[in-house]
Amino acid sequence: MNSNRFATRRAGFTLIELLAVILIIGILMVYLLPKIPEAIDRGKVTACKANMGEIRNGLLMYNDQYKTIPSESGVRFFAALIYKGTWDNNKTSAAKLTCPGVDNNSLALGGIPDETQWFGNKDMIDGTYSAYAGRNMKQYPLKKFPGAGKNVLVADDNDGGEANHRTATVCLYDDGSVGVHELYALYEKGTLNKDADPYLKVGPESPLEELQKLSLD
């Protein structure tokens, strides 16, 4: 009888054990919570790189279809995949043409519930329709496609005074490769000043020459 009462008493936690568990959970929260936003952003960088890979495939299809690549600049450069009919104009195609790290509500297309209207009309498209910047084909036309990997075709636009991603800028090159410029590496090299230039500008004012050949329009 006494042994049964002892077993019943030991079925729960003592106050000291509960405090120890709470302490461990608190320590884990202190170390893990700050890493959650970074982990989420890394996932969005991965999704962004996947988008770039899809755009690369689309440009190859476009080149096979028209024996050239789009001649328009900025967002219209890659939006041609839809408005010129290389891709079907649907929700899946539209989602590939803007960065998953940016809230669509901050873009012009955020007020357009029908995704087939995002990139279907060439005359309506400008830099506010995507969080990607496209090649400035008027000033920097490509002599060959695919190329040698020296020219950036599409990249995060980092427009509006902040970066698309917390730690990186994703770029698609003319050889089909997808590269990433890590902000911390640019800080260490002195390319960016963390206080004065906390994000990597894209377009004519970019500190990187390859990104100066992109248009935000």
N, C-alpha and C. Protein backbone atom coordinates (compact mmCIF):
# COMPACT_ATOMS: atom_id res chain seq x y z
N MET A 1 0.83 -1.21 0.00
CA MET A 1 0.00 0.00 0.00
C MET A 1 0.86 1.25 0.00
N ASN A 2 1.89 1.27 0.87
CA ASN A 2 2.77 2.42 0.93
C ASN A 2 3.53 2.61 -0.37
N SER A 3 3.95 1.50 -0.98
CA SER A 3 4.71 1.60 -2.24
C SER A 3 3.84 2.18 -3.34
N ASN A 4 2.53 1.91 -3.33
CA ASN A 4 1.63 2.47 -4.35
C ASN A 4 1.49 3.97 -4.19
N ARG A 5 1.42 4.43 -2.91
CA ARG A 5 1.32 5.87 -2.68
C ARG A 5 2.59 6.56 -3.14
N PHE A 6 3.74 5.93 -2.94
CA PHE A 6 5.02 6.51 -3.37
C PHE A 6 5.07 6.61 -4.88
N ALA A 7 4.60 5.56 -5.59
CA ALA A 7 4.60 5.56 -7.05
C ALA A 7 3.70 6.66 -7.58
N THR A 8 2.55 6.90 -6.88
CA THR A 8 1.62 7.93 -7.31
C THR A 8 2.24 9.31 -7.16
N ARG A 9 2.94 9.52 -6.05
CA ARG A 9 3.57 10.82 -5.83
C ARG A 9 4.64 11.11 -6.87
N ARG A 10 5.36 10.13 -7.33
CA ARG A 10 6.45 10.33 -8.29
C ARG A 10 5.95 10.42 -9.73
N ALA A 11 4.63 10.30 -9.95
CA ALA A 11 4.12 10.36 -11.32
C ALA A 11 4.20 11.77 -11.88
N GLY A 12 4.21 12.81 -11.04
CA GLY A 12 4.27 14.19 -11.51
C GLY A 12 5.67 14.76 -11.38
N PHE A 13 5.81 16.08 -11.77
CA PHE A 13 7.08 16.78 -11.65
C PHE A 13 7.14 17.53 -10.33
N THR A 14 8.30 17.60 -9.74
CA THR A 14 8.49 18.45 -8.57
C THR A 14 8.65 19.89 -9.04
N LEU A 15 8.55 20.83 -8.11
CA LEU A 15 8.69 22.25 -8.45
C LEU A 15 10.06 22.54 -9.03
N ILE A 16 11.09 21.90 -8.47
CA ILE A 16 12.45 22.12 -8.96
C ILE A 16 12.59 21.63 -10.40
N GLU A 17 11.98 20.48 -10.68
CA GLU A 17 12.05 19.94 -12.04
C GLU A 17 11.33 20.86 -13.03
N LEU A 18 10.18 21.38 -12.62
CA LEU A 18 9.44 22.30 -13.50
C LEU A 18 10.24 23.57 -13.76
N LEU A 19 10.88 24.10 -12.73
CA LEU A 19 11.70 25.30 -12.89
C LEU A 19 12.89 25.04 -13.82
N ALA A 20 13.44 23.84 -13.70
CA ALA A 20 14.57 23.48 -14.57
C ALA A 20 14.14 23.43 -16.03
N VAL A 21 12.95 22.84 -16.28
CA VAL A 21 12.42 22.77 -17.64
C VAL A 21 12.16 24.17 -18.19
N ILE A 22 11.56 25.03 -17.37
CA ILE A 22 11.28 26.41 -17.79
C ILE A 22 12.58 27.14 -18.11
N LEU A 23 13.60 26.92 -17.29
CA LEU A 23 14.90 27.56 -17.51
C LEU A 23 15.51 27.12 -18.84
N ILE A 24 15.44 25.83 -19.12
CA ILE A 24 15.99 25.30 -20.37
C ILE A 24 15.24 25.87 -21.58
N ILE A 25 13.92 25.93 -21.48
CA ILE A 25 13.12 26.49 -22.57
C ILE A 25 13.47 27.96 -22.78
N GLY A 26 13.66 28.69 -21.67
CA GLY A 26 14.03 30.10 -21.78
C GLY A 26 15.36 30.29 -22.47
N ILE A 27 16.34 29.44 -22.11
CA ILE A 27 17.66 29.53 -22.73
C ILE A 27 17.58 29.24 -24.23
N LEU A 28 16.80 28.22 -24.60
CA LEU A 28 16.63 27.88 -26.02
C LEU A 28 15.98 29.02 -26.79
N MET A 29 14.99 29.66 -26.17
CA MET A 29 14.31 30.78 -26.84
C MET A 29 15.26 31.94 -27.07
N VAL A 30 16.13 32.22 -26.10
CA VAL A 30 17.08 33.33 -26.23
C VAL A 30 18.02 33.09 -27.41
N TYR A 31 18.43 31.84 -27.61
CA TYR A 31 19.38 31.53 -28.67
C TYR A 31 18.72 31.28 -30.02
N LEU A 32 17.51 30.73 -30.00
CA LEU A 32 16.89 30.31 -31.26
C LEU A 32 15.99 31.37 -31.90
N LEU A 33 15.28 32.14 -31.09
CA LEU A 33 14.33 33.12 -31.65
C LEU A 33 14.99 34.12 -32.60
N PRO A 34 16.18 34.67 -32.27
CA PRO A 34 16.79 35.61 -33.21
C PRO A 34 17.17 34.97 -34.54
N LYS A 35 17.30 33.65 -34.57
CA LYS A 35 17.71 32.96 -35.80
C LYS A 35 16.51 32.62 -36.70
N ILE A 36 15.30 32.73 -36.16
CA ILE A 36 14.12 32.36 -36.95
C ILE A 36 13.94 33.27 -38.17
N PRO A 37 14.01 34.62 -38.00
CA PRO A 37 13.87 35.47 -39.20
C PRO A 37 14.92 35.19 -40.26
N GLU A 38 16.15 34.91 -39.82
CA GLU A 38 17.22 34.60 -40.78
C GLU A 38 16.93 33.29 -41.50
N ALA A 39 16.41 32.31 -40.77
CA ALA A 39 16.09 31.02 -41.40
C ALA A 39 14.96 31.19 -42.41
N ILE A 40 13.96 32.00 -42.06
CA ILE A 40 12.87 32.27 -42.99
C ILE A 40 13.39 32.95 -44.24
N ASP A 41 14.28 33.92 -44.05
CA ASP A 41 14.83 34.64 -45.21
C ASP A 41 15.66 33.72 -46.09
N ARG A 42 16.41 32.81 -45.47
CA ARG A 42 17.20 31.86 -46.25
C ARG A 42 16.29 31.00 -47.12
N GLY A 43 15.14 30.64 -46.58
CA GLY A 43 14.18 29.88 -47.37
C GLY A 43 13.68 30.69 -48.56
N LYS A 44 13.48 31.99 -48.35
CA LYS A 44 13.02 32.85 -49.44
C LYS A 44 14.12 33.07 -50.47
N VAL A 45 15.38 33.10 -50.02
CA VAL A 45 16.51 33.19 -50.97
C VAL A 45 16.53 31.94 -51.84
N THR A 46 16.31 30.79 -51.23
CA THR A 46 16.27 29.54 -52.00
C THR A 46 15.14 29.57 -53.03
N ALA A 47 13.97 30.08 -52.62
CA ALA A 47 12.84 30.19 -53.54
C ALA A 47 13.14 31.19 -54.65
N CYS A 48 13.85 32.25 -54.30
CA CYS A 48 14.24 33.26 -55.29
C CYS A 48 15.20 32.67 -56.32
N LYS A 49 16.15 31.89 -55.85
CA LYS A 49 17.08 31.23 -56.77
C LYS A 49 16.34 30.27 -57.70
N ALA A 50 15.32 29.61 -57.17
CA ALA A 50 14.52 28.72 -58.01
C ALA A 50 13.79 29.52 -59.09
N ASN A 51 13.28 30.71 -58.73
CA ASN A 51 12.65 31.59 -59.71
C ASN A 51 13.62 31.95 -60.82
N MET A 52 14.84 32.30 -60.43
CA MET A 52 15.85 32.68 -61.41
C MET A 52 16.14 31.52 -62.36
N GLY A 53 16.17 30.32 -61.82
CA GLY A 53 16.39 29.15 -62.67
C GLY A 53 15.25 28.96 -63.66
N GLU A 54 14.03 29.24 -63.22
CA GLU A 54 12.88 29.14 -64.12
C GLU A 54 12.94 30.21 -65.20
N ILE A 55 13.35 31.42 -64.83
CA ILE A 55 13.49 32.50 -65.83
C ILE A 55 14.56 32.13 -66.85
N ARG A 56 15.65 31.54 -66.38
CA ARG A 56 16.70 31.07 -67.29
C ARG A 56 16.11 30.08 -68.30
N ASN A 57 15.35 29.11 -67.81
CA ASN A 57 14.75 28.13 -68.72
C ASN A 57 13.79 28.82 -69.69
N GLY A 58 13.06 29.82 -69.18
CA GLY A 58 12.14 30.55 -70.02
C GLY A 58 12.86 31.31 -71.12
N LEU A 59 14.00 31.91 -70.79
CA LEU A 59 14.77 32.66 -71.80
C LEU A 59 15.33 31.72 -72.86
N LEU A 60 15.71 30.52 -72.44
CA LEU A 60 16.17 29.53 -73.41
C LEU A 60 15.04 29.13 -74.35
N MET A 61 13.84 28.96 -73.79
CA MET A 61 12.67 28.65 -74.61
C MET A 61 12.35 29.80 -75.55
N TYR A 62 12.44 31.01 -75.04
CA TYR A 62 12.18 32.21 -75.85
C TYR A 62 13.17 32.29 -77.00
N ASN A 63 14.45 32.02 -76.69
CA ASN A 63 15.49 32.07 -77.71
C ASN A 63 15.27 31.01 -78.79
N ASP A 64 14.81 29.85 -78.36
CA ASP A 64 14.52 28.78 -79.32
C ASP A 64 13.31 29.15 -80.18
N GLN A 65 12.36 29.85 -79.58
CA GLN A 65 11.13 30.23 -80.28
C GLN A 65 11.34 31.39 -81.25
N TYR A 66 12.09 32.41 -80.80
CA TYR A 66 12.24 33.64 -81.60
C TYR A 66 13.65 33.84 -82.17
N LYS A 67 14.56 32.92 -81.85
CA LYS A 67 15.95 33.00 -82.32
C LYS A 67 16.65 34.27 -81.82
N THR A 68 16.23 34.77 -80.70
CA THR A 68 16.84 35.94 -80.07
C THR A 68 16.34 35.98 -78.63
N ILE A 69 16.70 36.99 -77.88
CA ILE A 69 16.17 37.16 -76.53
C ILE A 69 15.40 38.48 -76.48
N PRO A 70 14.61 38.72 -75.45
CA PRO A 70 13.80 39.95 -75.39
C PRO A 70 14.66 41.20 -75.54
N SER A 71 14.16 42.17 -76.27
CA SER A 71 14.90 43.40 -76.53
C SER A 71 14.48 44.53 -75.60
N GLU A 72 13.40 44.34 -74.84
CA GLU A 72 12.96 45.36 -73.90
C GLU A 72 13.86 45.36 -72.65
N SER A 73 13.78 46.45 -71.89
CA SER A 73 14.63 46.59 -70.71
C SER A 73 13.81 46.50 -69.42
N GLY A 74 14.51 46.34 -68.30
CA GLY A 74 13.87 46.31 -67.00
C GLY A 74 12.93 45.14 -66.83
N VAL A 75 11.79 45.39 -66.19
CA VAL A 75 10.82 44.33 -65.94
C VAL A 75 10.29 43.74 -67.24
N ARG A 76 10.18 44.57 -68.27
CA ARG A 76 9.66 44.08 -69.55
C ARG A 76 10.60 43.06 -70.20
N PHE A 77 11.87 43.10 -69.81
CA PHE A 77 12.83 42.15 -70.36
C PHE A 77 12.40 40.72 -70.05
N PHE A 78 12.12 40.43 -68.79
CA PHE A 78 11.73 39.05 -68.44
C PHE A 78 10.22 38.83 -68.51
N ALA A 79 9.43 39.92 -68.39
CA ALA A 79 7.98 39.77 -68.52
C ALA A 79 7.58 39.36 -69.93
N ALA A 80 8.49 39.55 -70.89
CA ALA A 80 8.23 39.12 -72.27
C ALA A 80 7.95 37.62 -72.35
N LEU A 81 8.43 36.88 -71.38
CA LEU A 81 8.16 35.44 -71.36
C LEU A 81 6.66 35.17 -71.32
N ILE A 82 5.91 36.09 -70.71
CA ILE A 82 4.45 35.93 -70.64
C ILE A 82 3.75 36.70 -71.76
N TYR A 83 4.09 38.00 -71.92
CA TYR A 83 3.32 38.78 -72.90
C TYR A 83 3.67 38.44 -74.35
N LYS A 84 4.78 37.73 -74.55
CA LYS A 84 5.09 37.25 -75.91
C LYS A 84 4.70 35.79 -76.11
N GLY A 85 4.15 35.17 -75.07
CA GLY A 85 3.57 33.84 -75.20
C GLY A 85 4.49 32.66 -75.02
N THR A 86 5.71 32.88 -74.58
CA THR A 86 6.61 31.74 -74.32
C THR A 86 6.09 30.91 -73.16
N TRP A 87 5.61 31.57 -72.11
CA TRP A 87 4.96 30.91 -70.99
C TRP A 87 3.46 31.13 -71.06
N ASP A 88 2.71 30.17 -70.56
CA ASP A 88 1.27 30.37 -70.41
C ASP A 88 1.03 31.47 -69.38
N ASN A 89 0.07 32.32 -69.65
CA ASN A 89 -0.25 33.40 -68.73
C ASN A 89 -1.18 32.89 -67.64
N ASN A 90 -0.57 32.46 -66.54
CA ASN A 90 -1.35 31.95 -65.42
C ASN A 90 -0.67 32.30 -64.10
N LYS A 91 -1.29 31.92 -63.01
CA LYS A 91 -0.79 32.26 -61.68
C LYS A 91 0.61 31.72 -61.44
N THR A 92 0.87 30.49 -61.89
CA THR A 92 2.18 29.86 -61.67
C THR A 92 3.27 30.62 -62.40
N SER A 93 3.02 30.99 -63.63
CA SER A 93 4.02 31.75 -64.40
C SER A 93 4.27 33.12 -63.79
N ALA A 94 3.19 33.81 -63.41
CA ALA A 94 3.32 35.15 -62.84
C ALA A 94 4.15 35.16 -61.57
N ALA A 95 3.98 34.13 -60.74
CA ALA A 95 4.70 34.07 -59.46
C ALA A 95 6.20 33.94 -59.65
N LYS A 96 6.63 33.45 -60.79
CA LYS A 96 8.06 33.27 -61.05
C LYS A 96 8.77 34.58 -61.38
N LEU A 97 8.00 35.62 -61.69
CA LEU A 97 8.58 36.85 -62.19
C LEU A 97 8.72 37.96 -61.14
N THR A 98 8.61 37.61 -59.88
CA THR A 98 8.87 38.58 -58.83
C THR A 98 9.41 37.87 -57.60
N CYS A 99 10.14 38.59 -56.79
CA CYS A 99 10.86 37.98 -55.67
C CYS A 99 9.93 37.56 -54.53
N PRO A 100 10.04 36.32 -54.06
CA PRO A 100 9.22 35.85 -52.93
C PRO A 100 9.58 36.50 -51.61
N GLY A 101 10.70 37.22 -51.59
CA GLY A 101 11.10 37.91 -50.37
C GLY A 101 10.42 39.25 -50.17
N VAL A 102 9.65 39.68 -51.15
CA VAL A 102 8.97 40.98 -51.09
C VAL A 102 7.46 40.78 -51.11
N ASP A 103 6.77 41.48 -50.24
CA ASP A 103 5.32 41.39 -50.16
C ASP A 103 4.71 42.01 -51.42
N ASN A 104 3.91 41.26 -52.13
CA ASN A 104 3.29 41.76 -53.36
C ASN A 104 2.43 42.99 -53.12
N ASN A 105 1.95 43.17 -51.90
CA ASN A 105 1.12 44.34 -51.61
C ASN A 105 1.91 45.64 -51.69
N SER A 106 3.23 45.55 -51.67
CA SER A 106 4.06 46.75 -51.82
C SER A 106 4.31 47.09 -53.29
N LEU A 107 3.83 46.23 -54.18
CA LEU A 107 4.00 46.43 -55.62
C LEU A 107 2.66 46.80 -56.26
N ALA A 108 2.72 47.31 -57.48
CA ALA A 108 1.50 47.69 -58.19
C ALA A 108 0.58 46.49 -58.39
N LEU A 109 1.17 45.34 -58.59
CA LEU A 109 0.35 44.15 -58.84
C LEU A 109 -0.38 43.67 -57.59
N GLY A 110 -0.01 44.23 -56.44
CA GLY A 110 -0.69 43.85 -55.20
C GLY A 110 -2.16 44.22 -55.21
N GLY A 111 -2.52 45.20 -56.01
CA GLY A 111 -3.92 45.61 -56.11
C GLY A 111 -4.66 44.95 -57.25
N ILE A 112 -4.00 43.99 -57.92
CA ILE A 112 -4.62 43.30 -59.05
C ILE A 112 -4.81 41.84 -58.65
N PRO A 113 -6.00 41.43 -58.28
CA PRO A 113 -6.22 40.06 -57.79
C PRO A 113 -6.06 38.98 -58.86
N ASP A 114 -6.23 39.34 -60.12
CA ASP A 114 -6.12 38.37 -61.21
C ASP A 114 -4.67 38.34 -61.71
N GLU A 115 -3.95 37.26 -61.38
CA GLU A 115 -2.53 37.16 -61.73
C GLU A 115 -2.29 37.19 -63.24
N THR A 116 -3.29 36.83 -64.03
CA THR A 116 -3.12 36.84 -65.49
C THR A 116 -3.04 38.27 -66.04
N GLN A 117 -3.35 39.25 -65.21
CA GLN A 117 -3.25 40.64 -65.63
C GLN A 117 -1.94 41.30 -65.19
N TRP A 118 -1.13 40.57 -64.44
CA TRP A 118 0.11 41.15 -63.95
C TRP A 118 1.10 41.46 -65.06
N PHE A 119 1.32 40.49 -65.93
CA PHE A 119 2.35 40.65 -66.96
C PHE A 119 1.83 40.40 -68.38
N GLY A 120 0.53 40.39 -68.53
CA GLY A 120 -0.05 40.08 -69.83
C GLY A 120 -0.07 41.25 -70.79
N ASN A 121 -0.10 42.48 -70.25
CA ASN A 121 -0.18 43.67 -71.09
C ASN A 121 1.14 44.43 -71.03
N LYS A 122 1.90 44.40 -72.08
CA LYS A 122 3.22 45.03 -72.12
C LYS A 122 3.16 46.51 -71.78
N ASP A 123 2.13 47.20 -72.25
CA ASP A 123 2.04 48.65 -72.07
C ASP A 123 1.79 49.05 -70.62
N MET A 124 1.33 48.13 -69.80
CA MET A 124 1.04 48.43 -68.40
C MET A 124 2.22 48.16 -67.48
N ILE A 125 3.22 47.43 -67.96
CA ILE A 125 4.30 46.94 -67.11
C ILE A 125 5.40 47.99 -66.93
N ASP A 126 5.78 48.21 -65.67
CA ASP A 126 6.93 49.05 -65.36
C ASP A 126 7.61 48.48 -64.12
N GLY A 127 8.53 49.23 -63.54
CA GLY A 127 9.31 48.72 -62.42
C GLY A 127 8.51 48.44 -61.17
N THR A 128 7.29 48.96 -61.09
CA THR A 128 6.48 48.73 -59.90
C THR A 128 5.76 47.38 -59.93
N TYR A 129 5.91 46.64 -61.04
CA TYR A 129 5.20 45.37 -61.19
C TYR A 129 6.01 44.17 -60.74
N SER A 130 7.25 44.37 -60.38
CA SER A 130 8.07 43.25 -59.93
C SER A 130 9.13 43.72 -58.96
N ALA A 131 9.61 42.82 -58.12
CA ALA A 131 10.73 43.11 -57.22
C ALA A 131 12.04 42.61 -57.82
N TYR A 132 12.03 42.32 -59.13
CA TYR A 132 13.24 41.99 -59.87
C TYR A 132 13.59 43.13 -60.82
N ALA A 133 14.87 43.31 -61.08
CA ALA A 133 15.35 44.24 -62.11
C ALA A 133 15.83 43.42 -63.30
N GLY A 134 15.56 43.92 -64.50
CA GLY A 134 15.98 43.22 -65.71
C GLY A 134 17.07 43.97 -66.45
N ARG A 135 17.70 43.31 -67.36
CA ARG A 135 18.79 43.87 -68.14
C ARG A 135 18.36 45.15 -68.86
N ASN A 136 19.23 46.16 -68.87
CA ASN A 136 19.00 47.37 -69.66
C ASN A 136 19.48 47.09 -71.08
N MET A 137 18.60 46.54 -71.89
CA MET A 137 19.00 46.09 -73.22
C MET A 137 19.24 47.25 -74.19
N LYS A 138 18.71 48.42 -73.89
CA LYS A 138 18.93 49.57 -74.77
C LYS A 138 20.37 50.05 -74.68
N GLN A 139 20.90 50.12 -73.46
CA GLN A 139 22.27 50.60 -73.28
C GLN A 139 23.30 49.47 -73.28
N TYR A 140 22.87 48.27 -72.88
CA TYR A 140 23.81 47.15 -72.76
C TYR A 140 23.25 45.90 -73.43
N PRO A 141 23.08 45.94 -74.74
CA PRO A 141 22.56 44.76 -75.44
C PRO A 141 23.56 43.60 -75.37
N LEU A 142 23.04 42.39 -75.45
CA LEU A 142 23.90 41.21 -75.41
C LEU A 142 24.27 40.79 -76.82
N LYS A 143 25.53 40.49 -77.02
CA LYS A 143 26.01 40.07 -78.33
C LYS A 143 25.75 38.58 -78.57
N LYS A 144 25.63 37.84 -77.46
CA LYS A 144 25.47 36.39 -77.58
C LYS A 144 24.67 35.85 -76.41
N PHE A 145 23.82 34.89 -76.68
CA PHE A 145 23.08 34.20 -75.62
C PHE A 145 22.87 32.75 -76.02
N PRO A 146 23.18 31.81 -75.13
CA PRO A 146 23.80 31.98 -73.82
C PRO A 146 25.21 32.56 -73.94
N GLY A 147 25.67 33.18 -72.86
CA GLY A 147 26.97 33.82 -72.86
C GLY A 147 27.97 33.09 -71.98
N ALA A 148 28.98 33.85 -71.56
CA ALA A 148 30.08 33.26 -70.79
C ALA A 148 29.92 33.46 -69.29
N GLY A 149 28.80 33.98 -68.87
CA GLY A 149 28.59 34.15 -67.44
C GLY A 149 29.10 35.47 -66.89
N LYS A 150 29.38 36.44 -67.76
CA LYS A 150 29.91 37.73 -67.33
C LYS A 150 28.83 38.81 -67.23
N ASN A 151 27.65 38.52 -67.76
CA ASN A 151 26.58 39.51 -67.78
C ASN A 151 25.40 39.08 -66.92
N VAL A 152 24.92 39.99 -66.08
CA VAL A 152 23.74 39.72 -65.27
C VAL A 152 22.50 40.06 -66.10
N LEU A 153 21.54 39.15 -66.11
CA LEU A 153 20.31 39.35 -66.87
C LEU A 153 19.16 39.83 -65.97
N VAL A 154 19.06 39.25 -64.79
CA VAL A 154 17.98 39.57 -63.84
C VAL A 154 18.56 39.49 -62.43
N ALA A 155 18.07 40.35 -61.54
CA ALA A 155 18.52 40.31 -60.14
C ALA A 155 17.44 40.90 -59.24
N ASP A 156 17.55 40.62 -57.95
CA ASP A 156 16.72 41.33 -56.97
C ASP A 156 16.91 42.82 -57.18
N ASP A 157 15.81 43.60 -57.15
CA ASP A 157 15.98 45.03 -57.42
C ASP A 157 16.39 45.84 -56.19
N ASN A 158 16.15 45.31 -54.99
CA ASN A 158 16.53 46.01 -53.75
C ASN A 158 16.05 47.46 -53.77
N ASP A 159 14.89 47.68 -54.33
CA ASP A 159 14.37 49.03 -54.49
C ASP A 159 13.62 49.47 -53.23
N GLY A 160 13.44 50.77 -53.11
CA GLY A 160 12.67 51.29 -51.98
C GLY A 160 13.47 51.47 -50.71
N GLY A 161 14.79 51.51 -50.82
CA GLY A 161 15.62 51.77 -49.65
C GLY A 161 15.91 50.57 -48.78
N GLU A 162 15.63 49.37 -49.27
CA GLU A 162 15.94 48.17 -48.50
C GLU A 162 16.16 46.99 -49.44
N ALA A 163 16.78 45.95 -48.91
CA ALA A 163 17.08 44.78 -49.72
C ALA A 163 15.89 43.83 -49.80
N ASN A 164 15.81 43.07 -50.90
CA ASN A 164 14.77 42.04 -51.03
C ASN A 164 14.94 40.98 -49.95
N HIS A 165 16.21 40.65 -49.64
CA HIS A 165 16.54 39.65 -48.63
C HIS A 165 17.45 40.28 -47.60
N ARG A 166 17.42 39.76 -46.39
CA ARG A 166 18.19 40.33 -45.29
C ARG A 166 19.69 40.23 -45.49
N THR A 167 20.16 39.20 -46.17
CA THR A 167 21.60 38.95 -46.21
C THR A 167 22.19 38.77 -47.60
N ALA A 168 21.36 38.78 -48.65
CA ALA A 168 21.90 38.42 -49.97
C ALA A 168 21.12 39.06 -51.10
N THR A 169 21.79 39.17 -52.27
CA THR A 169 21.14 39.59 -53.51
C THR A 169 21.37 38.50 -54.54
N VAL A 170 20.29 38.02 -55.14
CA VAL A 170 20.34 36.90 -56.08
C VAL A 170 20.40 37.43 -57.51
N CYS A 171 21.25 36.82 -58.34
CA CYS A 171 21.44 37.26 -59.72
C CYS A 171 21.41 36.07 -60.69
N LEU A 172 20.85 36.32 -61.87
CA LEU A 172 20.88 35.35 -62.96
C LEU A 172 21.85 35.83 -64.02
N TYR A 173 22.82 34.98 -64.40
CA TYR A 173 23.85 35.34 -65.38
C TYR A 173 23.53 34.76 -66.75
N ASP A 174 24.22 35.31 -67.76
CA ASP A 174 23.89 34.94 -69.14
C ASP A 174 24.31 33.53 -69.54
N ASP A 175 25.07 32.84 -68.69
CA ASP A 175 25.39 31.44 -68.98
C ASP A 175 24.38 30.50 -68.31
N GLY A 176 23.38 31.09 -67.65
CA GLY A 176 22.36 30.29 -66.98
C GLY A 176 22.63 30.03 -65.52
N SER A 177 23.80 30.46 -65.02
CA SER A 177 24.11 30.24 -63.61
C SER A 177 23.39 31.26 -62.74
N VAL A 178 23.14 30.88 -61.49
CA VAL A 178 22.50 31.76 -60.52
C VAL A 178 23.50 32.02 -59.40
N GLY A 179 23.81 33.29 -59.18
CA GLY A 179 24.79 33.65 -58.17
C GLY A 179 24.17 34.45 -57.05
N VAL A 180 24.89 34.56 -55.94
CA VAL A 180 24.41 35.31 -54.78
C VAL A 180 25.50 36.22 -54.27
N HIS A 181 25.19 37.49 -54.10
CA HIS A 181 26.10 38.43 -53.45
C HIS A 181 25.71 38.52 -51.98
N GLU A 182 26.58 38.03 -51.11
CA GLU A 182 26.33 38.06 -49.68
C GLU A 182 26.71 39.44 -49.13
N LEU A 183 25.78 40.05 -48.39
CA LEU A 183 26.02 41.40 -47.88
C LEU A 183 27.21 41.44 -46.92
N TYR A 184 27.34 40.42 -46.07
CA TYR A 184 28.44 40.43 -45.11
C TYR A 184 29.79 40.39 -45.80
N ALA A 185 29.88 39.67 -46.91
CA ALA A 185 31.13 39.63 -47.68
C ALA A 185 31.43 41.00 -48.29
N LEU A 186 30.39 41.70 -48.74
CA LEU A 186 30.57 43.03 -49.32
C LEU A 186 30.99 44.04 -48.25
N TYR A 187 30.48 43.85 -47.02
CA TYR A 187 30.91 44.71 -45.91
C TYR A 187 32.40 44.50 -45.63
N GLU A 188 32.81 43.24 -45.60
CA GLU A 188 34.20 42.92 -45.28
C GLU A 188 35.16 43.44 -46.35
N LYS A 189 34.73 43.41 -47.60
CA LYS A 189 35.58 43.90 -48.69
C LYS A 189 35.61 45.42 -48.76
N GLY A 190 34.70 46.07 -48.08
CA GLY A 190 34.62 47.52 -48.14
C GLY A 190 33.80 48.01 -49.32
N THR A 191 33.17 47.08 -50.05
CA THR A 191 32.31 47.47 -51.17
C THR A 191 31.09 48.22 -50.67
N LEU A 192 30.59 47.80 -49.51
CA LEU A 192 29.47 48.46 -48.86
C LEU A 192 29.87 48.88 -47.45
N ASN A 193 29.32 50.00 -47.02
CA ASN A 193 29.48 50.45 -45.64
C ASN A 193 28.20 50.10 -44.90
N LYS A 194 28.31 49.28 -43.88
CA LYS A 194 27.11 48.77 -43.21
C LYS A 194 26.23 49.87 -42.66
N ASP A 195 26.83 50.98 -42.24
CA ASP A 195 26.05 52.08 -41.69
C ASP A 195 25.52 53.01 -42.78
N ALA A 196 26.38 53.36 -43.74
CA ALA A 196 25.98 54.30 -44.79
C ALA A 196 25.25 53.61 -45.94
N ASP A 197 25.66 52.38 -46.28
CA ASP A 197 25.06 51.63 -47.39
C ASP A 197 24.67 50.23 -46.90
N PRO A 198 23.59 50.11 -46.15
CA PRO A 198 23.23 48.82 -45.55
C PRO A 198 22.72 47.78 -46.54
N TYR A 199 22.40 48.19 -47.77
CA TYR A 199 21.92 47.23 -48.76
C TYR A 199 22.61 47.49 -50.10
N LEU A 200 22.57 46.51 -50.97
CA LEU A 200 23.24 46.58 -52.26
C LEU A 200 22.31 47.21 -53.30
N LYS A 201 22.67 48.39 -53.78
CA LYS A 201 21.86 49.04 -54.79
C LYS A 201 22.01 48.32 -56.13
N VAL A 202 20.92 48.35 -56.90
CA VAL A 202 20.90 47.74 -58.22
C VAL A 202 20.52 48.82 -59.22
N GLY A 203 21.17 48.80 -60.40
CA GLY A 203 20.91 49.83 -61.39
C GLY A 203 22.13 50.72 -61.56
N PRO A 204 21.97 51.87 -62.21
CA PRO A 204 23.12 52.74 -62.52
C PRO A 204 23.95 53.17 -61.32
N GLU A 205 23.34 53.24 -60.13
CA GLU A 205 24.05 53.69 -58.93
C GLU A 205 24.68 52.56 -58.13
N SER A 206 24.62 51.34 -58.64
CA SER A 206 25.17 50.20 -57.90
C SER A 206 26.69 50.29 -57.79
N PRO A 207 27.25 49.88 -56.65
CA PRO A 207 28.71 49.84 -56.51
C PRO A 207 29.35 48.70 -57.30
N LEU A 208 28.53 47.76 -57.77
CA LEU A 208 29.04 46.65 -58.57
C LEU A 208 28.72 46.91 -60.04
N GLU A 209 29.74 46.91 -60.87
CA GLU A 209 29.57 47.25 -62.28
C GLU A 209 28.55 46.34 -62.98
N GLU A 210 28.56 45.06 -62.64
CA GLU A 210 27.66 44.13 -63.32
C GLU A 210 26.19 44.46 -63.04
N LEU A 211 25.91 45.04 -61.86
CA LEU A 211 24.53 45.38 -61.52
C LEU A 211 24.13 46.76 -62.04
N GLN A 212 25.10 47.55 -62.51
CA GLN A 212 24.79 48.84 -63.11
C GLN A 212 24.11 48.69 -64.46
N LYS A 213 24.21 47.50 -65.04
CA LYS A 213 23.64 47.25 -66.37
C LYS A 213 22.20 46.74 -66.31
N LEU A 214 21.62 46.84 -65.12
CA LEU A 214 20.22 46.46 -64.95
C LEU A 214 19.37 47.72 -64.82
N SER A 215 18.11 47.59 -65.16
CA SER A 215 17.17 48.71 -65.09
C SER A 215 16.07 48.40 -64.09
N LEU A 216 15.69 49.38 -63.31
CA LEU A 216 14.61 49.25 -62.33
C LEU A 216 13.25 49.60 -62.95
N ASP A 217 13.23 50.05 -64.20
CA ASP A 217 11.99 50.45 -64.85
C ASP A 217 11.14 49.25 -65.24
